N, C-alpha and C. Protein backbone atom coordinates (compact mmCIF):
# COMPACT_ATOMS: atom_id res chain seq x y z
N MET A 1 42.86 -348.08 -31.48
CA MET A 1 42.65 -347.35 -30.24
C MET A 1 42.97 -345.87 -30.45
N ASN A 2 42.37 -345.05 -29.66
CA ASN A 2 42.53 -343.61 -29.82
C ASN A 2 43.58 -343.09 -28.84
N CYS A 3 44.83 -343.45 -29.07
CA CYS A 3 45.91 -343.08 -28.16
C CYS A 3 46.24 -341.60 -28.21
N GLU A 4 46.02 -340.95 -29.34
CA GLU A 4 46.42 -339.55 -29.49
C GLU A 4 45.74 -338.63 -28.47
N ASN A 5 44.55 -338.98 -28.01
CA ASN A 5 43.82 -338.16 -27.04
C ASN A 5 43.98 -338.65 -25.61
N CYS A 6 44.80 -339.65 -25.39
CA CYS A 6 44.94 -340.25 -24.06
C CYS A 6 45.97 -339.48 -23.22
N ALA A 7 45.69 -339.38 -21.93
CA ALA A 7 46.59 -338.70 -21.01
C ALA A 7 47.90 -339.46 -20.83
N TYR A 8 47.91 -340.75 -21.12
CA TYR A 8 49.12 -341.56 -20.97
C TYR A 8 50.01 -341.55 -22.21
N TYR A 9 49.58 -340.91 -23.27
CA TYR A 9 50.34 -340.88 -24.52
C TYR A 9 51.37 -339.76 -24.43
N MET A 10 52.62 -340.11 -24.24
CA MET A 10 53.69 -339.15 -23.99
C MET A 10 54.70 -339.14 -25.13
N TYR A 11 55.39 -338.03 -25.25
CA TYR A 11 56.44 -337.90 -26.26
C TYR A 11 57.80 -338.02 -25.59
N ASP A 12 58.64 -338.88 -26.12
CA ASP A 12 60.00 -339.07 -25.62
C ASP A 12 60.96 -338.30 -26.53
N GLU A 13 61.54 -337.24 -26.00
CA GLU A 13 62.43 -336.40 -26.81
C GLU A 13 63.71 -337.12 -27.19
N GLU A 14 64.17 -338.02 -26.34
CA GLU A 14 65.41 -338.75 -26.64
C GLU A 14 65.24 -339.64 -27.86
N TYR A 15 64.12 -340.39 -27.92
CA TYR A 15 63.86 -341.29 -29.04
C TYR A 15 63.03 -340.63 -30.14
N GLU A 16 62.53 -339.41 -29.88
CA GLU A 16 61.70 -338.67 -30.82
C GLU A 16 60.52 -339.49 -31.29
N ASP A 17 59.81 -340.08 -30.32
CA ASP A 17 58.67 -340.92 -30.64
C ASP A 17 57.68 -340.89 -29.47
N TYR A 18 56.45 -341.26 -29.73
CA TYR A 18 55.42 -341.32 -28.69
C TYR A 18 55.38 -342.72 -28.08
N TYR A 19 54.94 -342.79 -26.83
CA TYR A 19 54.81 -344.07 -26.14
C TYR A 19 53.68 -343.99 -25.12
N CYS A 20 53.23 -345.14 -24.67
CA CYS A 20 52.18 -345.21 -23.65
C CYS A 20 52.85 -345.32 -22.29
N SER A 21 52.54 -344.36 -21.39
CA SER A 21 53.16 -344.36 -20.08
C SER A 21 52.28 -345.00 -19.00
N ALA A 22 51.18 -345.63 -19.40
CA ALA A 22 50.30 -346.29 -18.44
C ALA A 22 51.03 -347.48 -17.82
N ASP A 23 50.73 -347.78 -16.58
CA ASP A 23 51.35 -348.90 -15.87
C ASP A 23 50.62 -350.19 -16.25
N ILE A 24 51.03 -350.80 -17.36
CA ILE A 24 50.38 -352.00 -17.89
C ILE A 24 51.32 -353.18 -17.71
N ASP A 25 50.80 -354.26 -17.12
CA ASP A 25 51.64 -355.45 -17.00
C ASP A 25 51.54 -356.29 -18.28
N GLU A 26 52.35 -357.33 -18.37
CA GLU A 26 52.42 -358.14 -19.58
C GLU A 26 51.09 -358.82 -19.91
N ASP A 27 50.38 -359.27 -18.88
CA ASP A 27 49.10 -359.95 -19.11
C ASP A 27 48.07 -358.99 -19.71
N ASP A 28 47.97 -357.80 -19.16
CA ASP A 28 47.04 -356.81 -19.69
C ASP A 28 47.43 -356.41 -21.12
N TYR A 29 48.71 -356.23 -21.35
CA TYR A 29 49.17 -355.86 -22.68
C TYR A 29 48.81 -356.93 -23.71
N SER A 30 49.00 -358.19 -23.37
CA SER A 30 48.67 -359.26 -24.31
C SER A 30 47.16 -359.32 -24.56
N ARG A 31 46.34 -359.07 -23.53
CA ARG A 31 44.88 -359.05 -23.72
C ARG A 31 44.47 -357.91 -24.64
N ILE A 32 45.10 -356.76 -24.49
CA ILE A 32 44.80 -355.62 -25.35
C ILE A 32 45.17 -355.94 -26.79
N MET A 33 46.35 -356.50 -27.01
CA MET A 33 46.82 -356.80 -28.36
C MET A 33 46.01 -357.92 -29.02
N GLN A 34 45.45 -358.83 -28.22
CA GLN A 34 44.65 -359.93 -28.76
C GLN A 34 43.21 -359.52 -29.02
N GLY A 35 42.84 -358.31 -28.61
CA GLY A 35 41.50 -357.81 -28.89
C GLY A 35 40.44 -358.23 -27.88
N HIS A 36 40.83 -358.52 -26.65
CA HIS A 36 39.87 -358.92 -25.63
C HIS A 36 39.03 -357.74 -25.13
N TYR A 37 39.47 -356.52 -25.40
CA TYR A 37 38.75 -355.33 -24.98
C TYR A 37 38.26 -354.58 -26.22
N LYS A 38 37.13 -353.91 -26.10
CA LYS A 38 36.65 -353.07 -27.20
C LYS A 38 37.54 -351.84 -27.34
N GLY A 39 38.02 -351.33 -26.22
CA GLY A 39 38.92 -350.19 -26.19
C GLY A 39 39.93 -350.41 -25.09
N CYS A 40 40.89 -349.55 -25.02
CA CYS A 40 41.93 -349.68 -24.00
C CYS A 40 41.33 -349.42 -22.61
N PRO A 41 41.48 -350.33 -21.67
CA PRO A 41 40.92 -350.12 -20.33
C PRO A 41 41.69 -349.07 -19.52
N PHE A 42 42.84 -348.65 -20.02
CA PHE A 42 43.65 -347.66 -19.31
C PHE A 42 43.49 -346.26 -19.89
N TRP A 43 42.69 -346.13 -20.95
CA TRP A 43 42.53 -344.84 -21.62
C TRP A 43 41.94 -343.83 -20.66
N ARG A 44 42.51 -342.64 -20.66
CA ARG A 44 42.03 -341.54 -19.83
C ARG A 44 42.07 -340.28 -20.68
N ASN A 45 41.00 -339.52 -20.64
CA ASN A 45 40.91 -338.31 -21.46
C ASN A 45 42.02 -337.34 -21.09
N GLY A 46 42.81 -336.98 -22.06
CA GLY A 46 43.91 -336.05 -21.83
C GLY A 46 43.55 -334.61 -22.12
N ASP A 47 42.29 -334.36 -22.49
CA ASP A 47 41.85 -333.01 -22.80
C ASP A 47 41.57 -332.27 -21.50
N GLU A 48 42.44 -331.34 -21.15
CA GLU A 48 42.31 -330.61 -19.88
C GLU A 48 41.10 -329.69 -19.86
N TYR A 49 40.59 -329.33 -21.03
CA TYR A 49 39.48 -328.38 -21.10
C TYR A 49 38.12 -329.07 -21.21
N ALA A 50 38.08 -330.39 -21.22
CA ALA A 50 36.81 -331.11 -21.34
C ALA A 50 35.88 -330.80 -20.19
N VAL A 51 36.40 -330.68 -18.98
CA VAL A 51 35.58 -330.38 -17.81
C VAL A 51 35.02 -328.98 -17.92
N VAL A 52 35.81 -328.04 -18.39
CA VAL A 52 35.36 -326.65 -18.52
C VAL A 52 34.25 -326.56 -19.58
N ARG A 53 34.44 -327.22 -20.72
CA ARG A 53 33.41 -327.19 -21.76
C ARG A 53 32.13 -327.84 -21.26
N HIS A 54 32.25 -328.88 -20.46
CA HIS A 54 31.07 -329.55 -19.91
C HIS A 54 30.29 -328.62 -18.97
N GLN A 55 30.99 -327.76 -18.26
CA GLN A 55 30.34 -326.86 -17.29
C GLN A 55 29.65 -325.69 -17.96
N LEU A 56 30.02 -325.37 -19.19
CA LEU A 56 29.42 -324.21 -19.89
C LEU A 56 28.04 -324.48 -20.35
């Protein structure tokens, strides 16, 4: 999955590591890990400038 570009991919300074901040329950998480989806259903573009580039 392409987590690096996701808006839910956050950095935790206390643990010095990245994590997914999406509100995912256990059932959805297990479906994602088992490969039931082609991509993450919670993925959201974190590129703030994508809309601006699209308008140009």
